[in-house]
Amino acid sequence: MVFQRAVLPAKLPQLSGLQFDALYEPGSVDAQVGGDWYDAVRLLDGRVLVTIGDVTGRGLDAAVVVGVVRALGPAAWHNPAAEIKRVVIPDGSADDVAILVLRVDFATFERHVERRHLDARDAAAATALRKEFTASLPGADFSSDNIANAELVLGELIGNVVRHAGGGGETEIVIDHSGSRTVLHVLDAGVGFRYVS
C-alpha cells in the first residue's frame, strides 16, 4: 500500500479548461502489491498525456464503472472520483481500485487560445501576425531576446510553409496560453512529405 501510493502522483496538473480528479482505494485484502496506476502530465509541447493502467488485470469490471459514470449526471462532477467510489464500492473492495476522471472544458480552454488563419505567401499578413504573436507573449515571462527568438521561429515556420508545404499557403496559427508555457502551432494545408528511396 505504501509502495502503491508512492508510484501514484501526489498531485495532478492544474490547466485552464481541464479538471482532474483522482482516487486510489486499496482493497481490504492487501496480500499483493497492486499494479494499478494513473497519471496526467503536461508535455513540453502543451499537450496533456493521461495514462491509466492495471498491469495485473484486477479491479472493477469496466462496464460497471462506465455505466455508473454515465448515470451520475452533472451533479457528480464536483468530486466525481469520490462519487464513483460511493456508488460502486460504498463498503470498500476486496480488490484494489484506481479511479481517474478527466473533465475537459473546451470553452474555458479556448479563452486562452488565439487562432489565426493566413495565406503564408502574403508577406504583409505574415509580418502583422508575427507582431501580434510577440505582443501576446507575457512580458514578465519573456526577455526581449526570447521574444525576438519567438518571432524568428514563427517567421521561419511560415517561410517553411511557403517553401515546402505545397498546395497553397493556407495556414492556421494557434497560440496556446493555457499552461505555464506558451505553445505555438503552425498547421499548413499542404499535401505532406513523402520520402521515396
Protein backbone atom coordinates (compact mmCIF):
# COMPACT_ATOMS: atom_id res chain seq x y z
CA MET A 1 0.00 0.00 0.00
CA VAL A 2 2.83 2.43 0.84
CA PHE A 3 4.57 1.44 -2.41
CA GLN A 4 1.34 1.88 -4.39
CA ARG A 5 0.78 5.38 -3.05
CA ALA A 6 4.43 6.23 -3.79
CA VAL A 7 4.05 5.42 -7.50
CA LEU A 8 0.85 7.43 -7.91
CA PRO A 9 1.18 11.19 -8.46
CA ALA A 10 0.93 13.36 -5.35
CA LYS A 11 -0.96 15.95 -7.40
CA LEU A 12 -2.23 16.32 -10.95
CA PRO A 13 -1.59 19.31 -13.22
CA GLN A 14 -3.74 22.44 -12.98
CA LEU A 15 -4.61 23.58 -16.50
CA SER A 16 -7.11 26.07 -17.84
CA GLY A 17 -10.05 24.15 -19.28
CA LEU A 18 -9.07 20.79 -17.76
CA GLN A 19 -10.09 19.43 -14.39
CA PHE A 20 -8.57 16.26 -12.92
CA ASP A 21 -9.98 14.29 -10.01
CA ALA A 22 -8.43 11.01 -8.89
CA LEU A 23 -8.71 8.48 -6.13
CA TYR A 24 -6.85 5.31 -5.18
CA GLU A 25 -8.69 2.93 -2.88
CA PRO A 26 -6.71 -0.15 -1.76
CA GLY A 27 -8.52 -3.46 -1.43
CA SER A 28 -9.39 -4.76 2.04
CA VAL A 29 -7.21 -7.83 1.34
CA ASP A 30 -3.74 -6.42 0.68
CA ALA A 31 -1.76 -9.62 0.10
CA GLN A 32 -0.05 -8.36 -3.07
CA VAL A 33 1.25 -5.08 -4.40
CA GLY A 34 -1.24 -3.90 -6.98
CA GLY A 35 -0.29 -2.89 -10.49
CA ASP A 36 -2.76 0.00 -10.76
CA TRP A 37 -1.60 3.42 -11.84
CA TYR A 38 -2.78 6.74 -13.24
CA ASP A 39 -1.03 9.93 -14.14
CA ALA A 40 -1.53 13.14 -16.10
CA VAL A 41 1.47 15.12 -17.29
CA ARG A 42 1.72 18.38 -19.23
CA LEU A 43 4.15 17.73 -22.11
CA LEU A 44 6.63 20.35 -23.32
CA ASP A 45 4.60 20.95 -26.50
CA GLY A 46 1.50 21.78 -24.45
CA ARG A 47 -0.41 18.53 -24.88
CA VAL A 48 -1.58 16.57 -21.85
CA LEU A 49 -0.71 12.89 -21.53
CA VAL A 50 -3.17 10.87 -19.44
CA THR A 51 -2.27 7.29 -18.52
CA ILE A 52 -4.33 4.73 -16.66
CA GLY A 53 -3.32 1.14 -16.10
CA ASP A 54 -3.87 -2.09 -14.28
CA VAL A 55 -0.99 -4.45 -15.01
CA THR A 56 -2.37 -7.43 -13.09
CA GLY A 57 -5.86 -7.13 -14.54
CA ARG A 58 -7.51 -6.91 -11.13
CA GLY A 59 -10.16 -4.32 -10.39
CA LEU A 60 -13.75 -3.46 -11.13
CA ASP A 61 -15.41 -4.62 -14.27
CA ALA A 62 -15.07 -1.70 -16.72
CA ALA A 63 -18.68 -1.98 -17.84
CA VAL A 64 -19.91 -1.32 -14.31
CA VAL A 65 -17.74 1.78 -13.93
CA VAL A 66 -18.73 3.17 -17.34
CA GLY A 67 -22.42 2.58 -16.55
CA VAL A 68 -22.11 4.34 -13.20
CA VAL A 69 -20.22 7.31 -14.69
CA ARG A 70 -22.90 7.75 -17.36
CA ALA A 71 -25.65 7.59 -14.73
CA LEU A 72 -24.04 10.07 -12.32
CA GLY A 73 -25.02 13.20 -14.23
CA PRO A 74 -23.71 16.76 -13.83
CA ALA A 75 -24.26 16.96 -10.07
CA ALA A 76 -21.42 14.47 -9.50
CA TRP A 77 -18.81 16.47 -11.42
CA HIS A 78 -17.78 18.44 -8.34
CA ASN A 79 -15.97 15.38 -6.94
CA PRO A 80 -16.57 12.55 -9.45
CA ALA A 81 -13.95 10.03 -8.26
CA ALA A 82 -15.37 10.01 -4.72
CA GLU A 83 -18.92 9.81 -6.11
CA ILE A 84 -18.00 6.78 -8.24
CA LYS A 85 -16.49 5.16 -5.14
CA ARG A 86 -19.62 5.95 -3.12
CA VAL A 87 -21.93 4.38 -5.69
CA VAL A 88 -19.81 1.43 -6.90
CA ILE A 89 -17.94 0.34 -3.76
CA PRO A 90 -19.61 2.01 -0.77
CA ASP A 91 -18.31 -0.67 1.63
CA GLY A 92 -14.84 -0.96 0.13
CA SER A 93 -13.50 -3.65 -2.17
CA ALA A 94 -11.53 -6.84 -1.72
CA ASP A 95 -9.55 -5.75 -4.78
CA ASP A 96 -7.53 -2.60 -5.48
CA VAL A 97 -9.45 0.17 -7.24
CA ALA A 98 -7.93 3.17 -9.01
CA ILE A 99 -10.19 5.88 -10.45
CA LEU A 100 -9.11 8.81 -12.61
CA VAL A 101 -11.65 11.21 -14.06
CA LEU A 102 -10.69 13.81 -16.66
CA ARG A 103 -13.11 16.61 -17.46
CA VAL A 104 -12.36 18.82 -20.43
CA ASP A 105 -13.95 22.26 -20.61
CA PHE A 106 -13.10 23.36 -24.12
CA ALA A 107 -14.90 26.70 -23.74
CA THR A 108 -12.54 27.66 -20.90
CA PHE A 109 -9.54 26.28 -22.79
CA GLU A 110 -10.41 28.27 -25.93
CA ARG A 111 -10.38 31.53 -23.94
CA HIS A 112 -6.61 31.02 -23.59
CA VAL A 113 -6.02 30.12 -27.24
CA GLU A 114 -5.64 32.51 -30.16
CA ARG A 115 -6.39 31.15 -33.64
CA ARG A 116 -5.36 32.95 -36.81
CA HIS A 117 -5.67 31.97 -40.46
CA LEU A 118 -3.50 33.43 -43.18
CA ASP A 119 -2.09 32.81 -46.60
CA ALA A 120 1.58 32.26 -45.78
CA ARG A 121 2.50 33.72 -49.18
CA ASP A 122 1.14 37.12 -48.05
CA ALA A 123 4.26 38.78 -46.63
CA ALA A 124 2.37 41.75 -45.12
CA ALA A 125 -0.10 39.45 -43.33
CA ALA A 126 2.76 37.26 -42.05
CA THR A 127 4.61 40.33 -40.71
CA ALA A 128 1.45 41.59 -38.96
CA LEU A 129 0.90 38.14 -37.44
CA ARG A 130 4.48 37.97 -36.14
CA LYS A 131 3.96 41.34 -34.40
CA GLU A 132 0.61 40.17 -32.94
CA PHE A 133 2.24 36.97 -31.72
CA THR A 134 5.12 38.70 -29.95
CA ALA A 135 2.72 41.23 -28.40
CA SER A 136 0.69 38.33 -26.94
CA LEU A 137 3.69 36.93 -25.04
CA PRO A 138 3.60 37.83 -21.34
CA GLY A 139 6.35 40.37 -20.75
CA ALA A 140 7.09 39.12 -17.24
CA ASP A 141 7.92 35.64 -18.57
CA PHE A 142 9.82 36.53 -21.76
CA SER A 143 13.00 38.54 -22.07
CA SER A 144 13.44 40.76 -25.14
CA ASP A 145 15.85 38.14 -26.54
CA ASN A 146 13.25 35.38 -26.05
CA ILE A 147 10.58 37.49 -27.75
CA ALA A 148 12.92 38.15 -30.71
CA ASN A 149 13.69 34.43 -30.93
CA ALA A 150 9.99 33.55 -30.81
CA GLU A 151 9.31 35.99 -33.67
CA LEU A 152 12.17 34.46 -35.66
CA VAL A 153 10.84 30.92 -35.12
CA LEU A 154 7.33 31.90 -36.24
CA GLY A 155 8.79 33.63 -39.33
CA GLU A 156 10.81 30.52 -40.18
CA LEU A 157 7.80 28.24 -39.75
CA ILE A 158 5.70 30.45 -42.05
CA GLY A 159 8.57 30.50 -44.55
CA ASN A 160 8.74 26.70 -44.44
CA VAL A 161 5.04 26.53 -45.34
CA VAL A 162 5.72 28.64 -48.42
CA ARG A 163 8.84 26.67 -49.42
CA HIS A 164 7.83 23.11 -48.56
CA ALA A 165 4.12 22.57 -47.93
CA GLY A 166 2.82 22.75 -51.48
CA GLY A 167 -0.87 23.09 -52.20
CA GLY A 168 -1.01 26.81 -51.45
CA GLY A 169 -0.16 28.78 -48.38
CA GLU A 170 -3.33 28.39 -46.29
CA THR A 171 -2.09 28.18 -42.72
CA GLU A 172 -3.67 28.08 -39.29
CA ILE A 173 -1.66 29.57 -36.44
CA VAL A 174 -2.64 28.53 -32.91
CA ILE A 175 -1.10 30.32 -29.92
CA ASP A 176 -1.87 28.42 -26.73
CA HIS A 177 -1.51 30.38 -23.46
CA SER A 178 -3.44 27.79 -21.39
CA GLY A 179 -0.49 26.40 -19.44
CA SER A 180 2.69 27.60 -17.82
CA ARG A 181 4.34 27.80 -21.27
CA THR A 182 3.11 29.49 -24.42
CA VAL A 183 2.88 26.90 -27.20
CA LEU A 184 2.84 27.80 -30.89
CA HIS A 185 1.29 25.53 -33.54
CA VAL A 186 1.66 26.23 -37.26
CA LEU A 187 -0.68 23.98 -39.26
CA ASP A 188 -0.47 24.07 -43.03
CA ALA A 189 -2.91 22.67 -45.59
CA GLY A 190 -0.16 21.14 -47.71
CA VAL A 191 -0.08 17.61 -49.05
CA GLY A 192 2.56 16.45 -46.59
CA PHE A 193 6.00 14.95 -47.02
CA ARG A 194 6.72 11.74 -48.88
CA TYR A 195 10.07 10.02 -48.84
CA VAL A 196 10.80 7.70 -51.71
CA SER A 197 14.08 5.80 -51.61
